Each structure stands twice: as C-alpha cells, then as structure tokens.
C-alpha cells in the first residue's frame, strides 16, 4: 500500500479585502502518495494555485490560512515556526512557478541561481553545488550544460528556462515537486518535451508531483489521479482513466467536452462552458456551479451537495450525477443553441435539438 506523503484536511484560505472576504480555498481535502503524480484542474480562479501556495505557506497578503491542516509526513505545516518552514520549502517540497522569466533573476547567471538554491538550505557545500549544477542541467536535457550554466536567463529560450526551473526545483532532492502550469506559453513541440522530461524524472527519481493546470491533455499524459476544483472546492476526484472515461460531475464533464479528444472515433462538437466562475466574495447559494450547469435542478439552487463516493476511488460533489442524466439532456447540452430546459420544452428529436445532429 502506498504511503501518504501529503495530506490536506479541510483547508480554508481567505483574502480579506475592502470588497469582503474572498474564500479562495473553501474546505479543500486531498492527498498525495509518495512517488505519485496528482493533477489539480479547473478554470482560472478556481483555487488551484492558492491551494499550492497554502501548502508552502506562501499565501500573499491580504490572504491567510484560516483553518485546516496540511500534514507532510505527519507534521502540520500550518504550525511550523519560521525556521521549520524555511527548511520545509526547498528541502521537502519545491515549486516550479508558471512563468520562469519572472521567477529567475534576470541579472544573475543560471548556474549561480541554481547553486544558491542549494547552498541556502545547507544541503551542499559551494564546491559540490557548482558540480551538481552541471549534473542537474544535463539531467533536464539542457545541451552543453557547462557552457549554458554561464548564460543569463534572457539567453535561454522559453523551454530552456522551464528546464532550468525544473533543475532548480530538483536541486535539493525534494520529496514533492509542485508544478504550476509548467507548459504555459510554450509551443506544442516544447510542451511535449517538457511532459516527457517530467515523466522521466518521476520514474527515475521517484519524486511525487502535484501538477496544477487547466490542460486536461497534460493531466492525461502525466498523472495517476486528478482533483477537479471549482469555486475553491473539490468537486470531483479519482483515478485519471476513470474520470476521463466516466466523469460524474457536470463541471468535469463540461471540461472534458470543451477539449478535442483524439481517442474518440466519432468527432463531437466542442462545447464551451457558459457564463463565468462565481465571485468568491459573494458565491451563489447551493451548488456553486448551478448557475452554469446544463443539468441543474431546484435542489441544486438551495442546498450544496457533500463530496460523496460515486464509484471505487471516485468521489463527486453533485445532486445530479452524469450517470443519472438522460440521453436527450446530454444531447441538448452538447449544442450551444438551446439550453437543456428549452430543449425539454420543445420535446424535439435528439438529432434536431439545437438544429443539427450531434454526431
């Protein structure tokens, strides 16, 4: 049985603003096992990055962790003092941020920046750190590593800067690597190279990874399990293959329907999710997704569902699971011309809902 490395329990992180309290992370519970790759997906603003920053105790002002526990090998990160949290960051857990150009110092060469991340945590002497920089850059497939270590960040391409950030993240051999949108702004070819690199590092080093992304294809390529977040909450969680094959929350279903699927013989029309994510300082009552949900019922508008088991190792927060939705309603939801409610009233044949066949 896999050993739990990180356990987040009922985490609440809030921002106290002039407009009110923003509940950015609202009761999140999740775990990562040693050596596992976990994907956290959802639209921008759903709480993915703030969850990761909470784990590292790096929530920017005016935000703070209000309640909950973050257990790393049984030690509560929330209760760590300043010295313990400095040791925790970098040594036990490291994070690769979304934009490497803003994370790297533009006036310092790549090699010394990676060296500093090692010597700052007293894991390596300056002499060993200098040697290890070349090894790390070589491992992440930076060509001519010894020469490129003397280059400045602007002399690296976007993909090479991301490789340098991965090398920096791995420099102190952390047990958990958090990657926040690691392939954003990279072209498709470079994205594929970074994905392959991360898979190889996970396999060779056994480093657990938390991948934060809105890219479902990236999750399919890299992760064993996936957590779907919406409005600061976990709305579905389970093994990647199971979630992709049989999503039970309408939000997960909508995310999967909004991206092309190369594994489907019959190509279906891509569907965008109507509306916008809710204002987290004034969320709607009931299920937070109900104003945008194509399968909403009256109960959804007044009572928030709990996170309940829907299959082996799969949980979802929904009153209307996808397995209970009729084929007519699903067909209507796959078109953009009519809402499901309007299609029901028309009582039209499935092929005529929205004015076009869905196959």
Protein backbone atom coordinates (compact mmCIF):
# COMPACT_ATOMS: atom_id res chain seq x y z
CA UNK A 1 0.00 0.00 0.00
CA UNK A 2 1.34 3.43 -0.98
CA UNK A 3 2.50 5.70 1.82
CA UNK A 4 0.74 9.08 2.13
CA UNK A 5 3.24 11.90 1.70
CA UNK A 6 0.96 14.94 1.93
CA UNK A 7 -2.49 15.16 3.48
CA UNK A 8 -4.53 18.38 3.21
CA UNK A 9 -7.56 18.38 5.53
CA UNK A 10 -10.46 20.86 5.29
CA UNK A 11 -8.21 23.74 4.23
CA UNK A 12 -9.68 27.25 4.23
CA UNK A 13 -7.62 30.13 2.80
CA UNK A 14 -9.27 33.54 2.62
CA UNK A 15 -8.40 37.02 1.38
CA UNK A 16 -9.64 39.94 3.46
CA UNK A 17 -10.34 42.80 1.05
CA UNK A 18 -12.32 46.04 1.04
CA UNK A 19 -14.98 44.23 -1.02
CA UNK A 20 -15.35 41.49 1.56
CA UNK A 21 -13.87 38.08 2.36
CA UNK A 22 -12.79 36.09 -0.68
CA UNK A 23 -12.97 32.35 0.04
CA UNK A 24 -10.23 31.29 -2.36
CA UNK A 25 -9.81 27.82 -0.86
CA UNK A 26 -13.02 26.64 0.78
CA UNK A 27 -12.67 23.35 2.62
CA UNK A 28 -10.23 21.50 0.34
CA UNK A 29 -9.24 17.97 1.30
CA UNK A 30 -6.77 15.98 -0.80
CA UNK A 31 -3.72 13.74 -0.50
CA UNK A 32 -0.63 12.74 -2.46
CA UNK A 33 1.16 9.43 -2.04
CA UNK A 34 4.92 9.05 -2.23
CA UNK A 35 6.06 8.89 -5.86
CA UNK A 36 2.59 9.75 -7.22
CA UNK A 37 1.70 12.43 -9.76
CA UNK A 38 -1.54 14.23 -8.88
CA UNK A 39 -3.26 16.65 -11.25
CA UNK A 40 -5.31 19.60 -9.97
CA UNK A 41 -7.50 21.05 -12.72
CA UNK A 42 -10.07 23.77 -13.15
CA UNK A 43 -10.59 27.19 -14.72
CA UNK A 44 -8.56 30.23 -13.74
CA UNK A 45 -9.61 31.49 -10.32
CA UNK A 46 -10.88 28.14 -9.02
CA UNK A 47 -8.28 27.98 -6.20
CA UNK A 48 -5.63 25.68 -7.69
CA UNK A 49 -2.62 27.95 -7.25
CA UNK A 50 -3.73 29.29 -3.85
CA UNK A 51 -4.02 25.69 -2.64
CA UNK A 52 -0.39 25.11 -3.68
CA UNK A 53 0.78 28.39 -2.12
CA UNK A 54 -1.06 27.45 1.07
CA UNK A 55 0.85 24.16 1.21
CA UNK A 56 4.10 26.16 1.10
CA UNK A 57 2.78 28.88 3.42
CA UNK A 58 3.38 31.47 0.70
CA UNK A 59 -0.11 32.98 0.52
CA UNK A 60 0.31 36.67 -0.40
CA UNK A 61 -1.29 39.48 1.63
CA UNK A 62 -4.10 40.13 2.37
CA UNK A 63 -4.68 36.36 2.36
CA UNK A 64 -4.12 33.85 5.13
CA UNK A 65 -4.87 30.27 6.08
CA UNK A 66 -7.92 30.47 8.34
CA UNK A 67 -8.30 26.81 9.29
CA UNK A 68 -7.44 23.27 8.30
CA UNK A 69 -4.36 21.05 8.47
CA UNK A 70 -1.54 20.44 5.98
CA UNK A 71 0.27 17.29 7.07
CA UNK A 72 3.60 16.44 5.45
CA UNK A 73 4.72 13.03 6.71
CA UNK A 74 2.55 13.70 9.75
CA UNK A 75 3.96 17.17 10.56
CA UNK A 76 1.49 20.05 10.38
CA UNK A 77 2.90 22.73 8.05
CA UNK A 78 0.42 25.30 9.40
CA UNK A 79 2.02 25.08 12.87
CA UNK A 80 5.67 25.20 11.74
CA UNK A 81 7.81 28.09 13.02
CA UNK A 82 9.90 30.28 10.70
CA UNK A 83 12.99 28.07 10.81
CA UNK A 84 10.98 24.88 10.20
CA UNK A 85 9.07 26.37 7.26
CA UNK A 86 12.29 27.59 5.62
CA UNK A 87 13.70 24.09 5.89
CA UNK A 88 10.44 22.61 4.57
CA UNK A 89 10.47 24.80 1.45
CA UNK A 90 13.07 23.63 -0.99
CA UNK A 91 14.25 20.64 1.03
CA UNK A 92 10.97 18.72 1.34
CA UNK A 93 8.76 20.50 -1.18
CA UNK A 94 9.73 22.69 -4.14
CA UNK A 95 7.58 24.65 -6.57
CA UNK A 96 8.01 25.47 -10.26
CA UNK A 97 6.11 28.66 -10.96
CA UNK A 98 4.09 29.44 -14.07
CA UNK A 99 6.38 31.98 -15.71
CA UNK A 100 10.09 31.15 -15.41
CA UNK A 101 11.10 34.60 -16.66
CA UNK A 102 9.57 36.23 -13.58
CA UNK A 103 10.96 33.54 -11.25
CA UNK A 104 14.56 33.78 -12.47
CA UNK A 105 16.75 36.77 -11.62
CA UNK A 106 17.45 38.46 -14.99
CA UNK A 107 20.84 39.87 -13.90
CA UNK A 108 22.26 36.63 -12.44
CA UNK A 109 23.57 33.72 -14.49
CA UNK A 110 21.61 30.47 -14.48
CA UNK A 111 24.30 28.38 -12.77
CA UNK A 112 24.77 30.63 -9.71
CA UNK A 113 20.98 30.86 -9.25
CA UNK A 114 20.68 27.07 -9.02
CA UNK A 115 23.76 26.94 -6.76
CA UNK A 116 22.19 29.49 -4.41
CA UNK A 117 19.06 27.37 -4.04
CA UNK A 118 21.26 24.52 -2.78
CA UNK A 119 23.67 26.39 -0.51
CA UNK A 120 20.82 28.42 1.06
CA UNK A 121 19.39 25.20 2.50
CA UNK A 122 22.81 23.90 3.60
CA UNK A 123 22.34 20.66 1.69
CA UNK A 124 25.54 21.04 -0.34
CA UNK A 125 28.83 22.88 0.03
CA UNK A 126 29.57 25.59 -2.57
CA UNK A 127 32.04 23.29 -4.33
CA UNK A 128 29.57 20.38 -4.53
CA UNK A 129 26.77 22.72 -5.56
CA UNK A 130 28.78 24.02 -8.50
CA UNK A 131 29.41 20.46 -9.72
CA UNK A 132 25.81 19.45 -9.15
CA UNK A 133 24.51 22.34 -11.29
CA UNK A 134 26.09 20.77 -14.37
CA UNK A 135 24.64 17.37 -13.45
CA UNK A 136 21.15 18.84 -12.99
CA UNK A 137 21.18 20.82 -16.23
CA UNK A 138 22.38 17.72 -18.05
CA UNK A 139 19.61 15.64 -16.43
CA UNK A 140 16.94 18.05 -17.64
CA UNK A 141 18.49 17.91 -21.12
CA UNK A 142 20.00 21.36 -21.41
CA UNK A 143 22.64 20.91 -24.16
CA UNK A 144 26.22 22.00 -23.44
CA UNK A 145 25.27 22.30 -19.77
CA UNK A 146 28.63 23.56 -18.53
CA UNK A 147 28.66 26.42 -21.02
CA UNK A 148 24.93 27.24 -20.69
CA UNK A 149 25.24 27.48 -16.90
CA UNK A 150 27.20 30.70 -17.53
CA UNK A 151 24.36 32.22 -19.57
CA UNK A 152 21.75 34.71 -18.35
CA UNK A 153 18.02 33.84 -18.39
CA UNK A 154 17.36 36.03 -21.47
CA UNK A 155 19.83 33.87 -23.41
CA UNK A 156 17.63 30.80 -22.80
CA UNK A 157 14.52 30.03 -24.84
CA UNK A 158 11.20 29.61 -23.02
CA UNK A 159 11.56 25.85 -22.99
CA UNK A 160 15.15 26.02 -21.73
CA UNK A 161 14.16 28.44 -18.96
CA UNK A 162 11.49 25.99 -17.87
CA UNK A 163 14.10 23.20 -17.82
CA UNK A 164 16.33 25.42 -15.67
CA UNK A 165 13.41 25.94 -13.26
CA UNK A 166 12.84 22.19 -13.08
CA UNK A 167 16.57 21.71 -12.35
CA UNK A 168 16.32 24.31 -9.58
CA UNK A 169 13.24 22.60 -8.16
CA UNK A 170 15.06 19.25 -8.07
CA UNK A 171 18.33 20.69 -6.74
CA UNK A 172 17.69 19.75 -3.10
CA UNK A 173 16.08 16.40 -3.95
CA UNK A 174 12.61 17.27 -2.60
CA UNK A 175 10.06 14.53 -2.00
CA UNK A 176 7.32 16.62 -3.62
CA UNK A 177 7.56 18.92 -6.65
CA UNK A 178 4.66 21.31 -7.29
CA UNK A 179 4.43 22.48 -10.91
CA UNK A 180 2.08 25.41 -11.63
CA UNK A 181 1.15 25.42 -15.34
CA UNK A 182 4.63 24.19 -16.37
CA UNK A 183 3.90 24.27 -20.12
CA UNK A 184 2.00 27.56 -20.41
CA UNK A 185 3.26 29.86 -23.21
CA UNK A 186 5.38 27.07 -24.73
CA UNK A 187 4.77 25.83 -28.25
CA UNK A 188 3.36 22.34 -28.76
CA UNK A 189 6.69 20.69 -29.56
CA UNK A 190 8.38 22.13 -26.46
CA UNK A 191 5.34 21.21 -24.34
CA UNK A 192 5.75 17.59 -25.43
CA UNK A 193 9.43 17.67 -24.49
CA UNK A 194 8.70 19.10 -21.01
CA UNK A 195 5.96 16.49 -20.43
CA UNK A 196 8.32 13.69 -21.45
CA UNK A 197 11.03 15.13 -19.19
CA UNK A 198 8.73 15.27 -16.16
CA UNK A 199 7.53 11.70 -16.74
CA UNK A 200 11.12 10.51 -16.92
CA UNK A 201 12.15 12.39 -13.76
CA UNK A 202 9.19 10.98 -11.86
CA UNK A 203 10.10 7.47 -12.99
CA UNK A 204 13.84 7.77 -12.32
CA UNK A 205 13.83 9.80 -9.09
CA UNK A 206 10.52 8.72 -7.57
CA UNK A 207 9.69 12.36 -6.80
CA UNK A 208 5.99 12.92 -6.14
CA UNK A 209 4.47 15.69 -8.27
CA UNK A 210 1.47 17.98 -7.96
CA UNK A 211 0.58 19.31 -11.39
CA UNK A 212 -1.61 22.44 -11.44
CA UNK A 213 -3.17 23.04 -14.84
CA UNK A 214 -6.27 23.73 -16.89
CA UNK A 215 -4.90 21.47 -19.62
CA UNK A 216 -6.74 18.14 -19.46
CA UNK A 217 -4.41 16.61 -22.06
CA UNK A 218 -1.45 17.33 -19.78
CA UNK A 219 -3.22 15.53 -16.93
CA UNK A 220 -3.91 12.52 -19.15
CA UNK A 221 -0.22 12.38 -20.10
CA UNK A 222 1.33 12.77 -16.66
CA UNK A 223 -1.00 11.97 -13.77
CA UNK A 224 -2.31 8.91 -11.97
CA UNK A 225 -5.09 10.76 -10.12
CA UNK A 226 -6.89 14.04 -10.72
CA UNK A 227 -8.64 16.54 -8.44
CA UNK A 228 -11.17 18.84 -10.13
CA UNK A 229 -11.69 22.19 -8.39
CA UNK A 230 -14.41 24.79 -8.80
CA UNK A 231 -15.00 27.95 -6.73
CA UNK A 232 -12.40 26.97 -4.16
CA UNK A 233 -13.82 23.48 -3.62
CA UNK A 234 -13.04 19.96 -4.75
CA UNK A 235 -15.97 18.87 -6.94
CA UNK A 236 -14.59 15.55 -8.19
CA UNK A 237 -11.59 13.31 -7.58
CA UNK A 238 -10.47 9.92 -8.80
CA UNK A 239 -8.07 7.92 -11.00
CA UNK A 240 -7.36 9.74 -14.26
CA UNK A 241 -8.52 6.92 -16.54
CA UNK A 242 -11.75 6.56 -14.59
CA UNK A 243 -12.52 10.29 -14.53
CA UNK A 244 -11.83 10.65 -18.26
CA UNK A 245 -13.95 7.60 -19.09
CA UNK A 246 -16.84 8.33 -16.74
CA UNK A 247 -16.93 11.84 -15.23
CA UNK A 248 -19.81 12.20 -12.80
CA UNK A 249 -19.84 15.92 -12.00
CA UNK A 250 -21.30 18.13 -14.78
CA UNK A 251 -18.36 20.52 -14.43
CA UNK A 252 -15.83 17.74 -15.08
CA UNK A 253 -17.97 16.53 -17.98
CA UNK A 254 -18.05 20.08 -19.38
CA UNK A 255 -14.28 20.47 -19.08
CA UNK A 256 -13.74 17.24 -21.00
CA UNK A 257 -16.28 18.22 -23.66
CA UNK A 258 -14.53 21.56 -24.22
CA UNK A 259 -11.27 19.99 -25.46
CA UNK A 260 -10.73 17.78 -28.53
CA UNK A 261 -10.44 14.05 -27.88
CA UNK A 262 -8.21 12.08 -30.28
CA UNK A 263 -9.36 8.79 -28.73
CA UNK A 264 -12.94 9.18 -29.98
CA UNK A 265 -13.86 7.61 -33.31
CA UNK A 266 -16.79 9.98 -33.82
CA UNK A 267 -15.83 13.62 -33.53
CA UNK A 268 -18.30 15.65 -31.48
CA UNK A 269 -18.77 19.39 -31.49
CA UNK A 270 -16.69 21.12 -28.81
CA UNK A 271 -18.79 22.81 -26.13
CA UNK A 272 -17.81 25.89 -24.14
CA UNK A 273 -18.96 26.28 -20.54
CA UNK A 274 -21.47 29.11 -20.46
CA UNK A 275 -21.12 32.02 -18.05
CA UNK A 276 -18.25 32.88 -15.71
CA UNK A 277 -16.92 31.44 -12.44
CA UNK A 278 -18.65 32.93 -9.39
CA UNK A 279 -17.47 35.88 -7.31
CA UNK A 280 -15.81 34.12 -4.37
CA UNK A 281 -16.63 37.04 -2.07
CA UNK A 282 -20.33 36.51 -2.80
CA UNK A 283 -20.85 32.96 -4.11
CA UNK A 284 -24.30 31.74 -5.14
CA UNK A 285 -26.34 29.63 -2.72
CA UNK A 286 -26.50 25.86 -3.08
CA UNK A 287 -24.11 24.24 -5.54
CA UNK A 288 -21.59 26.85 -6.68
CA UNK A 289 -21.77 25.53 -10.26
CA UNK A 290 -25.56 25.63 -10.57
CA UNK A 291 -25.82 28.99 -12.47
CA UNK A 292 -23.71 27.46 -15.27
CA UNK A 293 -24.81 23.82 -15.06
CA UNK A 294 -26.85 22.46 -18.02
CA UNK A 295 -28.44 19.79 -15.78
CA UNK A 296 -29.45 21.94 -12.81
CA UNK A 297 -32.49 21.01 -10.71
CA UNK A 298 -34.21 23.04 -7.97
CA UNK A 299 -32.31 21.30 -5.15
CA UNK A 300 -29.00 22.47 -6.64
CA UNK A 301 -30.04 26.10 -6.18
CA UNK A 302 -30.67 25.92 -2.44
CA UNK A 303 -28.61 23.06 -0.97
CA UNK A 304 -24.91 22.43 -1.52
CA UNK A 305 -24.13 18.74 -2.06
CA UNK A 306 -21.48 16.96 0.01
CA UNK A 307 -18.47 15.23 -1.52
CA UNK A 308 -19.68 11.63 -1.76
CA UNK A 309 -18.42 8.35 -3.17
CA UNK A 310 -19.78 7.63 -6.65
CA UNK A 311 -17.52 4.71 -7.60
CA UNK A 312 -14.48 2.85 -6.31
CA UNK A 313 -11.86 5.56 -5.52
CA UNK A 314 -14.04 8.22 -7.19
CA UNK A 315 -15.92 10.99 -5.35
CA UNK A 316 -18.05 13.88 -6.61
CA UNK A 317 -19.97 16.83 -5.15
CA UNK A 318 -23.27 16.74 -7.05
CA UNK A 319 -27.00 16.09 -6.69
CA UNK A 320 -27.34 15.18 -10.38
CA UNK A 321 -24.62 12.70 -11.33
CA UNK A 322 -23.93 12.27 -15.03
CA UNK A 323 -24.97 8.62 -14.92
CA UNK A 324 -28.48 9.80 -13.97
CA UNK A 325 -28.79 12.32 -16.81
CA UNK A 326 -30.93 11.31 -19.80
CA UNK A 327 -29.52 10.94 -23.30
CA UNK A 328 -31.82 13.73 -24.53
CA UNK A 329 -30.50 16.16 -21.91
CA UNK A 330 -26.88 15.23 -22.70
CA UNK A 331 -27.51 15.71 -26.43
CA UNK A 332 -29.03 19.12 -25.75
CA UNK A 333 -26.11 20.14 -23.56
CA UNK A 334 -23.69 19.31 -26.39
CA UNK A 335 -25.22 22.05 -28.52
CA UNK A 336 -24.98 25.77 -27.91
CA UNK A 337 -28.25 26.97 -29.49
CA UNK A 338 -30.62 25.83 -26.73
CA UNK A 339 -30.43 25.20 -23.04
CA UNK A 340 -31.46 21.78 -21.77
CA UNK A 341 -34.61 23.27 -20.27
CA UNK A 342 -35.58 24.78 -23.63
CA UNK A 343 -34.91 21.51 -25.42
CA UNK A 344 -37.11 19.65 -22.95
CA UNK A 345 -39.98 22.04 -23.62
CA UNK A 346 -39.65 21.58 -27.37
CA UNK A 347 -39.66 17.79 -26.98
CA UNK A 348 -37.72 17.63 -30.24
CA UNK A 349 -35.93 14.54 -31.53
CA UNK A 350 -32.36 14.34 -30.28
CA UNK A 351 -30.91 14.97 -33.75
CA UNK A 352 -32.95 18.20 -34.03
CA UNK A 353 -32.05 19.72 -30.66
CA UNK A 354 -30.05 22.88 -31.43
CA UNK A 355 -30.79 22.46 -35.14
CA UNK A 356 -28.03 19.99 -36.00
CA UNK A 357 -27.04 16.39 -35.39
CA UNK A 358 -24.54 15.89 -32.57
CA UNK A 359 -22.58 13.04 -34.14
